[in-house]
């Protein structure tokens, strides 16, 4: 028997001046990544300091919003849901949820695409559906 993901409303994310670019992107339906201009490497969660060089020589770029499931875990309580790491096509891996699917059919390596889910009073939250 299939276990359908529960359609839950995410908690509003905590916003600050440091993550404003990211959540403005979410409001526009975009995943924003940080790019270290010293190394050319992309990173998620975008911030104003490179995790590679600790410099502020950073720019923000838009991701395609597609990737693959790297790892996942299904919580099978009264309201089942999936927490997953998704490796974006651009390279960085992000912690997220997989939604609107049969949780029993999930597999590592499955292709996914972003779907922004409204939150309870804050910016939309990027989650993923099967592609």
C-alpha atoms as a PDB file:
ATOM      1  CA  UNK A   1       0.000   0.000   0.000  1.00  0.00           C
ATOM      2  CA  UNK A   2       1.338   3.448  -0.951  1.00  0.00           C
ATOM      3  CA  UNK A   3       2.266   6.018   1.688  1.00  0.00           C
ATOM      4  CA  UNK A   4       1.255   9.431   0.388  1.00  0.00           C
ATOM      5  CA  UNK A   5       3.230  12.458   1.615  1.00  0.00           C
ATOM      6  CA  UNK A   6       1.118  14.589   3.953  1.00  0.00           C
ATOM      7  CA  UNK A   7       0.409  18.078   2.597  1.00  0.00           C
ATOM      8  CA  UNK A   8       1.677  20.177   5.491  1.00  0.00           C
ATOM      9  CA  UNK A   9       2.260  23.919   5.705  1.00  0.00           C
ATOM     10  CA  UNK A  10       5.941  24.686   6.342  1.00  0.00           C
ATOM     11  CA  UNK A  11       6.944  26.939   9.201  1.00  0.00           C
ATOM     12  CA  UNK A  12       7.892  30.447   8.095  1.00  0.00           C
ATOM     13  CA  UNK A  13      11.667  30.691   7.610  1.00  0.00           C
ATOM     14  CA  UNK A  14      13.674  32.978   9.850  1.00  0.00           C
ATOM     15  CA  UNK A  15      14.790  35.888   7.685  1.00  0.00           C
ATOM     16  CA  UNK A  16      17.695  38.259   8.270  1.00  0.00           C
ATOM     17  CA  UNK A  17      19.708  40.759   6.208  1.00  0.00           C
ATOM     18  CA  UNK A  18      22.251  37.984   5.546  1.00  0.00           C
ATOM     19  CA  UNK A  19      19.719  35.680   3.834  1.00  0.00           C
ATOM     20  CA  UNK A  20      17.536  38.357   2.199  1.00  0.00           C
ATOM     21  CA  UNK A  21      18.864  37.583  -1.313  1.00  0.00           C
ATOM     22  CA  UNK A  22      17.942  33.919  -0.885  1.00  0.00           C
ATOM     23  CA  UNK A  23      14.386  34.506   0.320  1.00  0.00           C
ATOM     24  CA  UNK A  24      13.780  37.270  -2.231  1.00  0.00           C
ATOM     25  CA  UNK A  25      14.694  34.618  -4.804  1.00  0.00           C
ATOM     26  CA  UNK A  26      12.224  32.181  -3.228  1.00  0.00           C
ATOM     27  CA  UNK A  27       9.498  34.822  -3.492  1.00  0.00           C
ATOM     28  CA  UNK A  28      10.348  35.113  -7.213  1.00  0.00           C
ATOM     29  CA  UNK A  29      10.253  31.306  -7.657  1.00  0.00           C
ATOM     30  CA  UNK A  30      14.044  30.898  -7.897  1.00  0.00           C
ATOM     31  CA  UNK A  31      16.681  28.998  -5.955  1.00  0.00           C
ATOM     32  CA  UNK A  32      19.663  31.265  -5.397  1.00  0.00           C
ATOM     33  CA  UNK A  33      23.168  29.865  -4.922  1.00  0.00           C
ATOM     34  CA  UNK A  34      26.312  31.559  -3.723  1.00  0.00           C
ATOM     35  CA  UNK A  35      29.336  31.591  -6.007  1.00  0.00           C
ATOM     36  CA  UNK A  36      32.847  32.101  -4.693  1.00  0.00           C
ATOM     37  CA  UNK A  37      34.461  34.423  -7.209  1.00  0.00           C
ATOM     38  CA  UNK A  38      37.940  33.334  -6.045  1.00  0.00           C
ATOM     39  CA  UNK A  39      37.394  29.619  -6.762  1.00  0.00           C
ATOM     40  CA  UNK A  40      34.354  29.594  -9.066  1.00  0.00           C
ATOM     41  CA  UNK A  41      32.670  27.063  -6.755  1.00  0.00           C
ATOM     42  CA  UNK A  42      28.927  27.223  -6.063  1.00  0.00           C
ATOM     43  CA  UNK A  43      27.465  26.710  -2.604  1.00  0.00           C
ATOM     44  CA  UNK A  44      24.144  26.423  -0.831  1.00  0.00           C
ATOM     45  CA  UNK A  45      23.030  28.041   1.600  1.00  0.00           C
ATOM     46  CA  UNK A  46      24.055  31.302  -0.083  1.00  0.00           C
ATOM     47  CA  UNK A  47      25.740  33.789   2.197  1.00  0.00           C
ATOM     48  CA  UNK A  48      27.998  36.793   1.865  1.00  0.00           C
ATOM     49  CA  UNK A  49      31.146  34.881   2.892  1.00  0.00           C
ATOM     50  CA  UNK A  50      32.606  32.036   0.848  1.00  0.00           C
ATOM     51  CA  UNK A  51      32.822  28.742   2.776  1.00  0.00           C
ATOM     52  CA  UNK A  52      35.868  27.900   0.623  1.00  0.00           C
ATOM     53  CA  UNK A  53      38.036  30.986   1.148  1.00  0.00           C
ATOM     54  CA  UNK A  54      36.229  32.907   3.908  1.00  0.00           C
ATOM     55  CA  UNK A  55      36.364  36.006   1.687  1.00  0.00           C
ATOM     56  CA  UNK A  56      33.413  38.210   0.814  1.00  0.00           C
ATOM     57  CA  UNK A  57      34.252  37.940  -2.892  1.00  0.00           C
ATOM     58  CA  UNK A  58      30.870  36.295  -3.542  1.00  0.00           C
ATOM     59  CA  UNK A  59      28.120  36.702  -6.098  1.00  0.00           C
ATOM     60  CA  UNK A  60      24.639  35.204  -6.230  1.00  0.00           C
ATOM     61  CA  UNK A  61      23.431  33.112  -9.164  1.00  0.00           C
ATOM     62  CA  UNK A  62      20.168  31.397 -10.058  1.00  0.00           C
ATOM     63  CA  UNK A  63      19.972  27.589 -10.086  1.00  0.00           C
ATOM     64  CA  UNK A  64      17.876  25.693 -12.633  1.00  0.00           C
ATOM     65  CA  UNK A  65      15.829  24.138  -9.828  1.00  0.00           C
ATOM     66  CA  UNK A  66      16.458  20.539 -10.846  1.00  0.00           C
ATOM     67  CA  UNK A  67      18.563  17.785  -9.357  1.00  0.00           C
ATOM     68  CA  UNK A  68      18.616  14.250  -7.960  1.00  0.00           C
ATOM     69  CA  UNK A  69      17.871  12.729  -4.578  1.00  0.00           C
ATOM     70  CA  UNK A  70      21.207  12.136  -2.831  1.00  0.00           C
ATOM     71  CA  UNK A  71      19.766  10.721   0.398  1.00  0.00           C
ATOM     72  CA  UNK A  72      16.404  10.716   2.156  1.00  0.00           C
ATOM     73  CA  UNK A  73      14.480   9.628   5.222  1.00  0.00           C
ATOM     74  CA  UNK A  74      10.751   9.097   5.553  1.00  0.00           C
ATOM     75  CA  UNK A  75       8.984   9.908   8.822  1.00  0.00           C
ATOM     76  CA  UNK A  76       6.007   7.553   9.012  1.00  0.00           C
ATOM     77  CA  UNK A  77       3.894   9.088  11.739  1.00  0.00           C
ATOM     78  CA  UNK A  78       0.333  10.372  11.600  1.00  0.00           C
ATOM     79  CA  UNK A  79       1.426  12.898   8.953  1.00  0.00           C
ATOM     80  CA  UNK A  80       4.160  11.159   6.892  1.00  0.00           C
ATOM     81  CA  UNK A  81       6.801  13.288   5.187  1.00  0.00           C
ATOM     82  CA  UNK A  82      10.220  13.000   3.558  1.00  0.00           C
ATOM     83  CA  UNK A  83      13.370  14.907   4.471  1.00  0.00           C
ATOM     84  CA  UNK A  84      16.028  14.664   1.772  1.00  0.00           C
ATOM     85  CA  UNK A  85      19.323  15.929   0.507  1.00  0.00           C
ATOM     86  CA  UNK A  86      18.988  16.932  -3.142  1.00  0.00           C
ATOM     87  CA  UNK A  87      22.084  17.467  -5.250  1.00  0.00           C
ATOM     88  CA  UNK A  88      21.292  20.282  -7.640  1.00  0.00           C
ATOM     89  CA  UNK A  89      22.366  19.991 -11.278  1.00  0.00           C
ATOM     90  CA  UNK A  90      24.842  22.811 -10.572  1.00  0.00           C
ATOM     91  CA  UNK A  91      26.611  20.699  -7.899  1.00  0.00           C
ATOM     92  CA  UNK A  92      25.652  21.898  -4.399  1.00  0.00           C
ATOM     93  CA  UNK A  93      23.523  19.686  -2.170  1.00  0.00           C
ATOM     94  CA  UNK A  94      20.656  21.141  -0.151  1.00  0.00           C
ATOM     95  CA  UNK A  95      18.467  19.872   2.677  1.00  0.00           C
ATOM     96  CA  UNK A  96      14.797  19.912   1.689  1.00  0.00           C
ATOM     97  CA  UNK A  97      11.551  17.935   1.562  1.00  0.00           C
ATOM     98  CA  UNK A  98      10.199  15.704  -1.209  1.00  0.00           C
ATOM     99  CA  UNK A  99       6.462  16.329  -1.545  1.00  0.00           C
ATOM    100  CA  UNK A 100       3.395  15.205  -3.511  1.00  0.00           C
ATOM    101  CA  UNK A 101       4.537  11.623  -4.041  1.00  0.00           C
ATOM    102  CA  UNK A 102       4.257   8.021  -2.901  1.00  0.00           C
ATOM    103  CA  UNK A 103       6.911   7.950  -0.188  1.00  0.00           C
ATOM    104  CA  UNK A 104       7.358   4.191  -0.639  1.00  0.00           C
ATOM    105  CA  UNK A 105       8.451   4.695  -4.267  1.00  0.00           C
ATOM    106  CA  UNK A 106      11.328   7.107  -3.565  1.00  0.00           C
ATOM    107  CA  UNK A 107      14.831   6.094  -4.611  1.00  0.00           C
ATOM    108  CA  UNK A 108      18.283   7.617  -4.363  1.00  0.00           C
ATOM    109  CA  UNK A 109      19.185   9.063  -7.760  1.00  0.00           C
ATOM    110  CA  UNK A 110      15.623   9.973  -8.776  1.00  0.00           C
ATOM    111  CA  UNK A 111      15.292  13.230 -10.670  1.00  0.00           C
ATOM    112  CA  UNK A 112      13.420  16.033  -8.949  1.00  0.00           C
ATOM    113  CA  UNK A 113      12.424  19.622  -9.635  1.00  0.00           C
ATOM    114  CA  UNK A 114      11.727  22.483  -7.273  1.00  0.00           C
ATOM    115  CA  UNK A 115       8.240  23.471  -6.173  1.00  0.00           C
ATOM    116  CA  UNK A 116       7.886  26.424  -3.842  1.00  0.00           C
ATOM    117  CA  UNK A 117       5.479  25.837  -0.990  1.00  0.00           C
ATOM    118  CA  UNK A 118       3.875  28.752   0.834  1.00  0.00           C
ATOM    119  CA  UNK A 119       4.703  29.038   4.512  1.00  0.00           C
ATOM    120  CA  UNK A 120       2.685  30.249   7.468  1.00  0.00           C
ATOM    121  CA  UNK A 121       3.415  33.938   7.042  1.00  0.00           C
ATOM    122  CA  UNK A 122       6.903  34.040   5.536  1.00  0.00           C
ATOM    123  CA  UNK A 123       8.691  33.454   2.267  1.00  0.00           C
ATOM    124  CA  UNK A 124       7.841  30.363   0.216  1.00  0.00           C
ATOM    125  CA  UNK A 125      10.035  27.353   0.973  1.00  0.00           C
ATOM    126  CA  UNK A 126      11.775  25.395  -1.814  1.00  0.00           C
ATOM    127  CA  UNK A 127      10.724  21.745  -1.779  1.00  0.00           C
ATOM    128  CA  UNK A 128      10.966  19.142  -4.521  1.00  0.00           C
ATOM    129  CA  UNK A 129       8.602  16.922  -6.522  1.00  0.00           C
ATOM    130  CA  UNK A 130       9.564  14.004  -8.739  1.00  0.00           C
ATOM    131  CA  UNK A 131      10.492  15.191 -12.238  1.00  0.00           C
END
